[in-house]
């Protein structure tokens, strides 16, 4: 059994949610292009007239899937909140709440060097933790970039 499986499942869920948000934003951007942008006057075939409805349907499906995953994430957080022990608390604060190791040490009332060492040991034994965290951060940045594109097109 993988120790800290809860964190792996949380990170996988976060990555899935980030991917869905990115996909949702890309699809919304495509819809804006069809309605107001460079594709507004392009009609190649009769099927292209139905593209608008198809894209709206796709957006609804993505939104529904995203809502479901957000609910699963909330229930997982309720479970995670019940875990005891400084290692579980440290990982939760670092990878879920986004706190620095220094802040975590202060909150858990440990010396910062001790927390840094324990964190390094855990990450060395469980490399999925940092790898997944990096992928999630990149997806969130990419999603923010698309959000900016959508905002600019709406202006």
Foldseek 3Di string as FASTA:
>chain_A
DDPPVLLVVLLVLLLVLLVLLLVLLVLVLVLLCCCPNPNVPDDDDPVVVCVNVVSVVVNVVSVVVSVVSVVVSVVSVVVLVPDDDLVSVLLCCCQPVPDDLCVSCVVVVHDSVVSVVVVVVVCVVPVSSVVSSVSSVVSNVSSVVSVVVVVVSVD
